[in-house]
PDB file of N, CA and C in Angstrom:
ATOM      1  N   UNK A   1     -36.644  20.676   8.507  1.00  0.00           N
ATOM      2  CA  UNK A   1     -35.471  20.220   7.796  1.00  0.00           C
ATOM      3  C   UNK A   1     -34.621  19.378   8.747  1.00  0.00           C
ATOM      4  N   UNK A   2     -34.103  18.290   8.244  1.00  0.00           N
ATOM      5  CA  UNK A   2     -33.306  17.388   9.077  1.00  0.00           C
ATOM      6  C   UNK A   2     -31.835  17.785   9.064  1.00  0.00           C
ATOM      7  N   UNK A   3     -31.206  17.563  10.189  1.00  0.00           N
ATOM      8  CA  UNK A   3     -29.773  17.827  10.275  1.00  0.00           C
ATOM      9  C   UNK A   3     -29.025  16.587   9.790  1.00  0.00           C
ATOM     10  N   UNK A   4     -28.097  16.778   8.884  1.00  0.00           N
ATOM     11  CA  UNK A   4     -27.322  15.670   8.346  1.00  0.00           C
ATOM     12  C   UNK A   4     -26.068  15.462   9.177  1.00  0.00           C
ATOM     13  N   UNK A   5     -25.839  14.206   9.527  1.00  0.00           N
ATOM     14  CA  UNK A   5     -24.638  13.843  10.259  1.00  0.00           C
ATOM     15  C   UNK A   5     -23.696  13.141   9.302  1.00  0.00           C
ATOM     16  N   UNK A   6     -22.532  13.692   9.145  1.00  0.00           N
ATOM     17  CA  UNK A   6     -21.547  13.078   8.266  1.00  0.00           C
ATOM     18  C   UNK A   6     -20.695  12.105   9.073  1.00  0.00           C
ATOM     19  N   UNK A   7     -20.578  10.897   8.557  1.00  0.00           N
ATOM     20  CA  UNK A   7     -19.783   9.882   9.225  1.00  0.00           C
ATOM     21  C   UNK A   7     -18.379   9.915   8.638  1.00  0.00           C
ATOM     22  N   UNK A   8     -17.407  10.076   9.505  1.00  0.00           N
ATOM     23  CA  UNK A   8     -16.027  10.109   9.049  1.00  0.00           C
ATOM     24  C   UNK A   8     -15.389   8.749   9.274  1.00  0.00           C
ATOM     25  N   UNK A   9     -14.676   8.291   8.296  1.00  0.00           N
ATOM     26  CA  UNK A   9     -13.946   7.039   8.403  1.00  0.00           C
ATOM     27  C   UNK A   9     -12.746   7.239   9.304  1.00  0.00           C
ATOM     28  N   UNK A  10     -12.578   6.341  10.247  1.00  0.00           N
ATOM     29  CA  UNK A  10     -11.455   6.431  11.172  1.00  0.00           C
ATOM     30  C   UNK A  10     -10.610   5.177  11.009  1.00  0.00           C
ATOM     31  N   UNK A  11      -9.324   5.368  10.801  1.00  0.00           N
ATOM     32  CA  UNK A  11      -8.407   4.229  10.672  1.00  0.00           C
ATOM     33  C   UNK A  11      -8.056   3.722  12.051  1.00  0.00           C
ATOM     34  N   UNK A  12      -8.527   2.529  12.374  1.00  0.00           N
ATOM     35  CA  UNK A  12      -8.184   1.906  13.652  1.00  0.00           C
ATOM     36  C   UNK A  12      -7.214   0.771  13.399  1.00  0.00           C
ATOM     37  N   UNK A  13      -6.433   0.480  14.408  1.00  0.00           N
ATOM     38  CA  UNK A  13      -5.519  -0.648  14.287  1.00  0.00           C
ATOM     39  C   UNK A  13      -6.325  -1.940  14.310  1.00  0.00           C
ATOM     40  N   UNK A  14      -5.857  -2.928  13.584  1.00  0.00           N
ATOM     41  CA  UNK A  14      -6.543  -4.209  13.530  1.00  0.00           C
ATOM     42  C   UNK A  14      -6.325  -4.951  14.849  1.00  0.00           C
ATOM     43  N   UNK A  15      -7.426  -5.325  15.497  1.00  0.00           N
ATOM     44  CA  UNK A  15      -7.358  -6.007  16.784  1.00  0.00           C
ATOM     45  C   UNK A  15      -7.738  -7.469  16.569  1.00  0.00           C
ATOM     46  N   UNK A  16      -6.818  -8.369  16.871  1.00  0.00           N
ATOM     47  CA  UNK A  16      -7.070  -9.796  16.752  1.00  0.00           C
ATOM     48  C   UNK A  16      -7.088 -10.415  18.137  1.00  0.00           C
ATOM     49  N   UNK A  17      -8.079 -11.280  18.374  1.00  0.00           N
ATOM     50  CA  UNK A  17      -8.234 -11.952  19.662  1.00  0.00           C
ATOM     51  C   UNK A  17      -8.315 -13.444  19.397  1.00  0.00           C
ATOM     52  N   UNK A  18      -7.636 -14.241  20.228  1.00  0.00           N
ATOM     53  CA  UNK A  18      -7.678 -15.693  20.096  1.00  0.00           C
ATOM     54  C   UNK A  18      -8.477 -16.257  21.267  1.00  0.00           C
ATOM     55  N   UNK A  19      -9.563 -16.964  20.932  1.00  0.00           N
ATOM     56  CA  UNK A  19     -10.397 -17.600  21.960  1.00  0.00           C
ATOM     57  C   UNK A  19     -10.567 -19.065  21.590  1.00  0.00           C
ATOM     58  N   UNK A  20     -10.115 -19.944  22.442  1.00  0.00           N
ATOM     59  CA  UNK A  20     -10.282 -21.377  22.201  1.00  0.00           C
ATOM     60  C   UNK A  20      -9.589 -21.857  20.939  1.00  0.00           C
ATOM     61  N   UNK A  21      -8.484 -21.238  20.580  1.00  0.00           N
ATOM     62  CA  UNK A  21      -7.742 -21.637  19.392  1.00  0.00           C
ATOM     63  C   UNK A  21      -8.294 -21.051  18.093  1.00  0.00           C
ATOM     64  N   UNK A  22      -9.333 -20.228  18.179  1.00  0.00           N
ATOM     65  CA  UNK A  22      -9.932 -19.601  16.993  1.00  0.00           C
ATOM     66  C   UNK A  22      -9.612 -18.113  17.044  1.00  0.00           C
ATOM     67  N   UNK A  23      -9.204 -17.558  15.901  1.00  0.00           N
ATOM     68  CA  UNK A  23      -8.835 -16.147  15.825  1.00  0.00           C
ATOM     69  C   UNK A  23     -10.037 -15.315  15.398  1.00  0.00           C
ATOM     70  N   UNK A  24     -10.268 -14.218  16.110  1.00  0.00           N
ATOM     71  CA  UNK A  24     -11.355 -13.296  15.803  1.00  0.00           C
ATOM     72  C   UNK A  24     -10.786 -11.903  15.585  1.00  0.00           C
ATOM     73  N   UNK A  25     -11.398 -11.160  14.635  1.00  0.00           N
ATOM     74  CA  UNK A  25     -11.055  -9.757  14.428  1.00  0.00           C
ATOM     75  C   UNK A  25     -12.143  -8.950  15.128  1.00  0.00           C
ATOM     76  N   UNK A  26     -11.746  -8.018  15.990  1.00  0.00           N
ATOM     77  CA  UNK A  26     -12.707  -7.209  16.735  1.00  0.00           C
ATOM     78  C   UNK A  26     -12.949  -5.917  15.963  1.00  0.00           C
ATOM     79  N   UNK A  27     -14.232  -5.673  15.626  1.00  0.00           N
ATOM     80  CA  UNK A  27     -14.620  -4.471  14.895  1.00  0.00           C
ATOM     81  C   UNK A  27     -15.481  -3.599  15.802  1.00  0.00           C
ATOM     82  N   UNK A  28     -15.264  -2.309  15.747  1.00  0.00           N
ATOM     83  CA  UNK A  28     -16.083  -1.372  16.505  1.00  0.00           C
ATOM     84  C   UNK A  28     -16.990  -0.661  15.515  1.00  0.00           C
ATOM     85  N   UNK A  29     -18.258  -1.066  15.472  1.00  0.00           N
ATOM     86  CA  UNK A  29     -19.208  -0.492  14.520  1.00  0.00           C
ATOM     87  C   UNK A  29     -20.319   0.188  15.312  1.00  0.00           C
ATOM     88  N   UNK A  30     -20.392   1.477  15.199  1.00  0.00           N
ATOM     89  CA  UNK A  30     -21.429   2.233  15.889  1.00  0.00           C
ATOM     90  C   UNK A  30     -21.359   2.098  17.395  1.00  0.00           C
ATOM     91  N   UNK A  31     -20.187   1.938  17.945  1.00  0.00           N
ATOM     92  CA  UNK A  31     -20.027   1.821  19.383  1.00  0.00           C
ATOM     93  C   UNK A  31     -20.192   0.402  19.901  1.00  0.00           C
ATOM     94  N   UNK A  32     -20.584  -0.531  19.025  1.00  0.00           N
ATOM     95  CA  UNK A  32     -20.746  -1.930  19.434  1.00  0.00           C
ATOM     96  C   UNK A  32     -19.525  -2.716  18.982  1.00  0.00           C
ATOM     97  N   UNK A  33     -19.046  -3.593  19.822  1.00  0.00           N
ATOM     98  CA  UNK A  33     -17.890  -4.428  19.489  1.00  0.00           C
ATOM     99  C   UNK A  33     -18.398  -5.724  18.869  1.00  0.00           C
ATOM    100  N   UNK A  34     -17.950  -6.020  17.653  1.00  0.00           N
ATOM    101  CA  UNK A  34     -18.323  -7.250  16.970  1.00  0.00           C
ATOM    102  C   UNK A  34     -17.081  -8.100  16.771  1.00  0.00           C
ATOM    103  N   UNK A  35     -17.226  -9.405  16.958  1.00  0.00           N
ATOM    104  CA  UNK A  35     -16.121 -10.327  16.722  1.00  0.00           C
ATOM    105  C   UNK A  35     -16.417 -11.130  15.472  1.00  0.00           C
ATOM    106  N   UNK A  36     -15.521 -11.048  14.505  1.00  0.00           N
ATOM    107  CA  UNK A  36     -15.673 -11.751  13.239  1.00  0.00           C
ATOM    108  C   UNK A  36     -14.561 -12.791  13.149  1.00  0.00           C
ATOM    109  N   UNK A  37     -14.948 -14.036  12.877  1.00  0.00           N
ATOM    110  CA  UNK A  37     -13.955 -15.109  12.807  1.00  0.00           C
ATOM    111  C   UNK A  37     -13.071 -14.933  11.578  1.00  0.00           C
ATOM    112  N   UNK A  38     -11.780 -15.153  11.764  1.00  0.00           N
ATOM    113  CA  UNK A  38     -10.799 -15.049  10.682  1.00  0.00           C
ATOM    114  C   UNK A  38     -10.389 -16.465  10.288  1.00  0.00           C
ATOM    115  N   UNK A  39     -10.449 -16.744   8.996  1.00  0.00           N
ATOM    116  CA  UNK A  39     -10.081 -18.079   8.525  1.00  0.00           C
ATOM    117  C   UNK A  39      -8.573 -18.267   8.575  1.00  0.00           C
ATOM    118  N   UNK A  40      -8.180 -19.509   8.841  1.00  0.00           N
ATOM    119  CA  UNK A  40      -6.759 -19.841   8.853  1.00  0.00           C
ATOM    120  C   UNK A  40      -6.278 -19.990   7.413  1.00  0.00           C
ATOM    121  N   UNK A  41      -4.966 -19.877   7.159  1.00  0.00           N
ATOM    122  CA  UNK A  41      -4.449 -20.050   5.799  1.00  0.00           C
ATOM    123  C   UNK A  41      -4.825 -21.408   5.199  1.00  0.00           C
ATOM    124  N   UNK A  42      -4.841 -22.450   6.027  1.00  0.00           N
ATOM    125  CA  UNK A  42      -5.206 -23.787   5.549  1.00  0.00           C
ATOM    126  C   UNK A  42      -6.664 -23.806   5.067  1.00  0.00           C
ATOM    127  N   UNK A  43      -7.534 -23.163   5.827  1.00  0.00           N
ATOM    128  CA  UNK A  43      -8.955 -23.111   5.471  1.00  0.00           C
ATOM    129  C   UNK A  43      -9.181 -22.268   4.218  1.00  0.00           C
ATOM    130  N   UNK A  44      -8.436 -21.167   4.080  1.00  0.00           N
ATOM    131  CA  UNK A  44      -8.543 -20.330   2.882  1.00  0.00           C
ATOM    132  C   UNK A  44      -8.139 -21.100   1.634  1.00  0.00           C
ATOM    133  N   UNK A  45      -7.046 -21.874   1.738  1.00  0.00           N
ATOM    134  CA  UNK A  45      -6.573 -22.658   0.598  1.00  0.00           C
ATOM    135  C   UNK A  45      -7.628 -23.681   0.177  1.00  0.00           C
ATOM    136  N   UNK A  46      -8.251 -24.330   1.168  1.00  0.00           N
ATOM    137  CA  UNK A  46      -9.285 -25.325   0.895  1.00  0.00           C
ATOM    138  C   UNK A  46     -10.491 -24.670   0.203  1.00  0.00           C
ATOM    139  N   UNK A  47     -10.917 -23.497   0.688  1.00  0.00           N
ATOM    140  CA  UNK A  47     -12.058 -22.796   0.115  1.00  0.00           C
ATOM    141  C   UNK A  47     -11.779 -22.336  -1.314  1.00  0.00           C
ATOM    142  N   UNK A  48     -10.560 -21.834  -1.561  1.00  0.00           N
ATOM    143  CA  UNK A  48     -10.198 -21.393  -2.911  1.00  0.00           C
ATOM    144  C   UNK A  48     -10.227 -22.564  -3.890  1.00  0.00           C
ATOM    145  N   UNK A  49      -9.742 -23.718  -3.438  1.00  0.00           N
ATOM    146  CA  UNK A  49      -9.740 -24.906  -4.285  1.00  0.00           C
ATOM    147  C   UNK A  49     -11.174 -25.342  -4.602  1.00  0.00           C
ATOM    148  N   UNK A  50     -12.049 -25.331  -3.581  1.00  0.00           N
ATOM    149  CA  UNK A  50     -13.450 -25.721  -3.782  1.00  0.00           C
ATOM    150  C   UNK A  50     -14.154 -24.739  -4.706  1.00  0.00           C
ATOM    151  N   UNK A  51     -13.889 -23.447  -4.575  1.00  0.00           N
ATOM    152  CA  UNK A  51     -14.529 -22.441  -5.420  1.00  0.00           C
ATOM    153  C   UNK A  51     -14.063 -22.559  -6.862  1.00  0.00           C
ATOM    154  N   UNK A  52     -12.766 -22.832  -7.029  1.00  0.00           N
ATOM    155  CA  UNK A  52     -12.224 -23.006  -8.378  1.00  0.00           C
ATOM    156  C   UNK A  52     -12.891 -24.205  -9.064  1.00  0.00           C
ATOM    157  N   UNK A  53     -13.102 -25.269  -8.299  1.00  0.00           N
ATOM    158  CA  UNK A  53     -13.771 -26.457  -8.833  1.00  0.00           C
ATOM    159  C   UNK A  53     -15.219 -26.126  -9.186  1.00  0.00           C
ATOM    160  N   UNK A  54     -15.879 -25.338  -8.363  1.00  0.00           N
ATOM    161  CA  UNK A  54     -17.261 -24.928  -8.605  1.00  0.00           C
ATOM    162  C   UNK A  54     -17.365 -24.120  -9.894  1.00  0.00           C
ATOM    163  N   UNK A  55     -16.401 -23.200 -10.120  1.00  0.00           N
ATOM    164  CA  UNK A  55     -16.439 -22.357 -11.315  1.00  0.00           C
ATOM    165  C   UNK A  55     -16.148 -23.139 -12.590  1.00  0.00           C
ATOM    166  N   UNK A  56     -15.458 -24.268 -12.464  1.00  0.00           N
ATOM    167  CA  UNK A  56     -15.103 -25.031 -13.657  1.00  0.00           C
ATOM    168  C   UNK A  56     -16.300 -25.730 -14.283  1.00  0.00           C
ATOM    169  N   UNK A  57     -17.416 -25.824 -13.566  1.00  0.00           N
ATOM    170  CA  UNK A  57     -18.629 -26.424 -14.104  1.00  0.00           C
ATOM    171  C   UNK A  57     -18.798 -27.847 -13.623  1.00  0.00           C
ATOM    172  N   UNK A  58     -19.950 -28.454 -13.981  1.00  0.00           N
ATOM    173  CA  UNK A  58     -20.237 -29.794 -13.531  1.00  0.00           C
ATOM    174  C   UNK A  58     -19.328 -30.836 -14.198  1.00  0.00           C
ATOM    175  N   UNK A  59     -19.114 -31.944 -13.481  1.00  0.00           N
ATOM    176  CA  UNK A  59     -18.331 -33.040 -14.037  1.00  0.00           C
ATOM    177  C   UNK A  59     -19.130 -33.746 -15.124  1.00  0.00           C
ATOM    178  N   UNK A  60     -18.459 -34.475 -15.974  1.00  0.00           N
ATOM    179  CA  UNK A  60     -19.126 -35.209 -17.046  1.00  0.00           C
ATOM    180  C   UNK A  60     -19.938 -36.379 -16.542  1.00  0.00           C
ATOM    181  N   UNK A  61     -19.657 -36.880 -15.333  1.00  0.00           N
ATOM    182  CA  UNK A  61     -20.346 -38.058 -14.795  1.00  0.00           C
ATOM    183  C   UNK A  61     -21.688 -37.708 -14.165  1.00  0.00           C
ATOM    184  N   UNK A  62     -21.980 -36.437 -13.986  1.00  0.00           N
ATOM    185  CA  UNK A  62     -23.220 -36.033 -13.317  1.00  0.00           C
ATOM    186  C   UNK A  62     -24.375 -36.067 -14.330  1.00  0.00           C
ATOM    187  N   UNK A  63     -25.478 -36.728 -13.931  1.00  0.00           N
ATOM    188  CA  UNK A  63     -26.666 -36.769 -14.770  1.00  0.00           C
ATOM    189  C   UNK A  63     -27.716 -35.923 -14.078  1.00  0.00           C
ATOM    190  N   UNK A  64     -28.127 -34.844 -14.756  1.00  0.00           N
ATOM    191  CA  UNK A  64     -29.140 -33.964 -14.181  1.00  0.00           C
ATOM    192  C   UNK A  64     -30.519 -34.491 -14.531  1.00  0.00           C
ATOM    193  N   UNK A  65     -31.500 -34.374 -13.634  1.00  0.00           N
ATOM    194  CA  UNK A  65     -32.867 -34.867 -13.906  1.00  0.00           C
ATOM    195  C   UNK A  65     -33.572 -34.072 -14.972  1.00  0.00           C
TER     196      UNK A  65
END
């Protein structure tokens, strides 16, 4: 019979690091430190606009093969 290990969620403070003008969030997953890039507000606004345009469907000028 296998012993079950229960993983408990631990609330850690959010750690942000700036390297070369780019902001990273440092995550500790399984003892390994991972750096995940955080988008700037300007980049988020641009992405939301592009996604909204994508959801609206194709333009009338596009001719599909």
